[in-house]
N, C-alpha and C. Protein backbone atom coordinates (compact mmCIF):
# COMPACT_ATOMS: atom_id res chain seq x y z
N MET A 1 0.81 -1.11 -0.04
CA MET A 1 -0.07 -0.01 0.02
C MET A 1 0.92 1.27 -0.01
N LYS A 2 0.61 2.18 -0.91
CA LYS A 2 1.35 3.37 -0.98
C LYS A 2 0.92 4.38 0.11
N THR A 3 1.96 4.96 0.72
CA THR A 3 1.58 6.00 1.86
C THR A 3 1.30 7.34 1.13
N LEU A 4 0.24 7.91 1.73
CA LEU A 4 -0.37 9.13 1.13
C LEU A 4 0.11 10.35 1.76
N ILE A 5 0.46 10.20 3.11
CA ILE A 5 0.88 11.42 3.88
C ILE A 5 2.19 11.91 3.42
N ARG A 6 2.33 13.24 3.14
CA ARG A 6 3.54 13.78 2.78
C ARG A 6 3.87 15.02 3.64
N LYS A 7 5.01 15.45 3.66
CA LYS A 7 5.38 16.68 4.52
C LYS A 7 6.29 17.61 3.76
N CYS A 8 5.84 18.81 3.77
CA CYS A 8 6.57 19.96 3.13
C CYS A 8 8.08 20.09 3.65
N GLN A 9 8.98 20.27 2.79
CA GLN A 9 10.32 20.46 3.26
C GLN A 9 10.52 21.91 3.72
N GLN A 10 9.80 22.81 3.32
CA GLN A 10 10.03 24.29 3.67
C GLN A 10 9.35 24.61 4.91
N CYS A 11 8.02 24.44 4.99
CA CYS A 11 7.30 24.89 6.25
C CYS A 11 6.83 23.77 7.18
N GLY A 12 7.02 22.41 6.74
CA GLY A 12 6.56 21.34 7.69
C GLY A 12 5.17 20.98 7.80
N THR A 13 4.39 21.47 6.85
CA THR A 13 3.02 21.22 6.79
C THR A 13 2.79 19.68 6.22
N TYR A 14 1.97 19.02 6.82
CA TYR A 14 1.44 17.68 6.31
C TYR A 14 0.31 17.85 5.35
N THR A 15 0.48 17.09 4.20
CA THR A 15 -0.55 17.11 3.18
C THR A 15 -0.44 15.83 2.40
N MET A 16 -1.44 15.70 1.43
CA MET A 16 -1.45 14.53 0.63
C MET A 16 -1.01 14.87 -0.95
N LYS A 17 -0.72 16.20 -0.98
CA LYS A 17 -0.40 16.63 -2.37
C LYS A 17 1.13 16.64 -2.48
N GLU A 18 1.56 16.78 -3.85
CA GLU A 18 2.99 16.80 -4.14
C GLU A 18 3.65 18.27 -3.89
N ILE A 19 2.74 19.24 -4.03
CA ILE A 19 3.06 20.60 -3.79
C ILE A 19 2.31 21.12 -2.56
N CYS A 20 3.05 21.73 -1.61
CA CYS A 20 2.38 22.15 -0.43
C CYS A 20 1.37 23.34 -0.68
N PRO A 21 0.17 23.04 -0.19
CA PRO A 21 -0.92 24.20 -0.37
C PRO A 21 -0.66 25.54 0.36
N SER A 22 0.20 25.34 1.39
CA SER A 22 0.41 26.54 2.25
C SER A 22 1.49 27.57 1.67
N CYS A 23 2.58 26.87 1.36
CA CYS A 23 3.78 27.74 0.82
C CYS A 23 4.15 27.48 -0.63
N GLY A 24 3.66 26.41 -1.19
CA GLY A 24 4.02 26.04 -2.70
C GLY A 24 5.32 25.20 -2.76
N GLY A 25 5.82 24.82 -1.56
CA GLY A 25 7.17 24.02 -1.59
C GLY A 25 6.96 22.63 -1.93
N LYS A 26 8.01 21.85 -2.13
CA LYS A 26 7.93 20.45 -2.61
C LYS A 26 7.80 19.65 -1.38
N THR A 27 6.97 18.58 -1.40
CA THR A 27 6.75 17.67 -0.34
C THR A 27 7.37 16.28 -0.51
N VAL A 28 7.72 15.58 0.65
CA VAL A 28 8.37 14.33 0.59
C VAL A 28 7.53 13.42 1.40
N MET A 29 7.70 12.06 1.22
CA MET A 29 6.98 11.12 2.06
C MET A 29 7.35 11.33 3.50
N ALA A 30 6.30 11.20 4.35
CA ALA A 30 6.46 11.52 5.81
C ALA A 30 7.19 10.34 6.56
N ILE A 31 6.96 9.03 6.06
CA ILE A 31 7.50 7.91 6.75
C ILE A 31 8.80 7.42 6.06
N PRO A 32 9.86 7.20 6.86
CA PRO A 32 11.16 6.68 6.26
C PRO A 32 10.99 5.20 5.63
N MET A 33 12.02 4.97 4.89
CA MET A 33 11.97 3.64 4.16
C MET A 33 12.23 2.65 5.27
N LYS A 34 11.84 1.45 5.02
CA LYS A 34 12.18 0.34 5.95
C LYS A 34 13.53 0.09 5.91
N TYR A 35 14.04 -0.36 7.11
CA TYR A 35 15.51 -0.88 7.28
C TYR A 35 15.69 -2.24 7.01
N SER A 36 16.71 -2.58 6.42
CA SER A 36 17.12 -3.92 6.16
C SER A 36 18.56 -4.06 6.36
N PRO A 37 18.98 -5.09 7.19
CA PRO A 37 20.52 -5.13 7.36
C PRO A 37 21.18 -5.84 6.16
N ALA A 38 20.46 -6.30 5.15
CA ALA A 38 20.95 -6.78 3.91
C ALA A 38 20.89 -5.72 2.81
N ASP A 39 20.78 -4.49 3.18
CA ASP A 39 20.49 -3.47 2.22
C ASP A 39 21.74 -3.24 1.29
N LYS A 40 21.58 -3.35 -0.08
CA LYS A 40 22.73 -3.29 -0.94
C LYS A 40 23.07 -1.84 -1.17
N PHE A 41 22.14 -0.84 -1.04
CA PHE A 41 22.28 0.46 -1.38
C PHE A 41 22.43 1.43 -0.28
N GLN A 42 22.68 0.93 0.90
CA GLN A 42 22.86 1.68 2.09
C GLN A 42 23.87 2.74 2.04
N LYS A 43 25.04 2.32 1.54
CA LYS A 43 26.18 3.29 1.48
C LYS A 43 25.86 4.51 0.59
N TYR A 44 25.05 4.29 -0.47
CA TYR A 44 24.65 5.46 -1.32
C TYR A 44 23.67 6.29 -0.74
N ARG A 45 22.74 5.86 0.06
CA ARG A 45 21.73 6.56 0.78
C ARG A 45 22.39 7.49 1.83
N ILE A 46 23.39 6.87 2.60
CA ILE A 46 24.05 7.60 3.69
C ILE A 46 24.81 8.68 2.94
N LYS A 47 25.57 8.31 2.02
CA LYS A 47 26.37 9.36 1.30
C LYS A 47 25.49 10.59 0.84
N THR A 48 24.36 10.32 0.20
CA THR A 48 23.44 11.36 -0.16
C THR A 48 23.05 12.14 0.95
N LEU A 49 22.60 11.59 2.01
CA LEU A 49 22.03 12.24 3.21
C LEU A 49 23.29 13.13 3.87
N GLU A 50 24.33 12.60 3.79
CA GLU A 50 25.58 13.41 4.38
C GLU A 50 25.81 14.65 3.55
N GLU A 51 25.62 14.38 2.23
CA GLU A 51 25.80 15.77 1.33
C GLU A 51 24.71 16.60 1.55
N GLU A 52 23.46 16.17 1.65
CA GLU A 52 22.36 17.11 1.83
C GLU A 52 22.48 17.80 3.14
N ASN A 53 22.91 17.18 4.21
CA ASN A 53 23.11 17.81 5.50
C ASN A 53 24.27 18.78 5.50
N SER A 54 25.38 18.44 4.80
CA SER A 54 26.51 19.43 4.78
C SER A 54 26.06 20.67 3.98
N GLY A 55 25.21 20.60 2.99
CA GLY A 55 24.78 21.69 2.22
C GLY A 55 23.87 22.57 3.02
N LYS A 56 23.10 22.01 3.91
CA LYS A 56 22.17 22.83 4.84
C LYS A 56 22.89 23.50 5.85
N ASN A 57 24.07 22.96 6.39
CA ASN A 57 24.90 23.57 7.45
C ASN A 57 25.70 24.72 6.81
N ASN A 58 25.99 24.78 5.48
CA ASN A 58 26.61 25.83 4.91
C ASN A 58 25.93 27.10 4.46
N ASP A 59 24.68 26.90 4.56
CA ASP A 59 23.79 28.04 4.17
C ASP A 59 23.75 29.16 5.22
């Protein structure tokens, strides 16, 4: 079953739409992906998260 709840990256509003009705920002799925110890792509996701977080700290 696909999750319908999404969260705006800019204002934090929860919605079911891909564009936030409050601020017009992009929304993402509110629930994180399932964890698997046998995850083949974990190192790539961690690298992407680290790059995103380092970009937010430099702003």
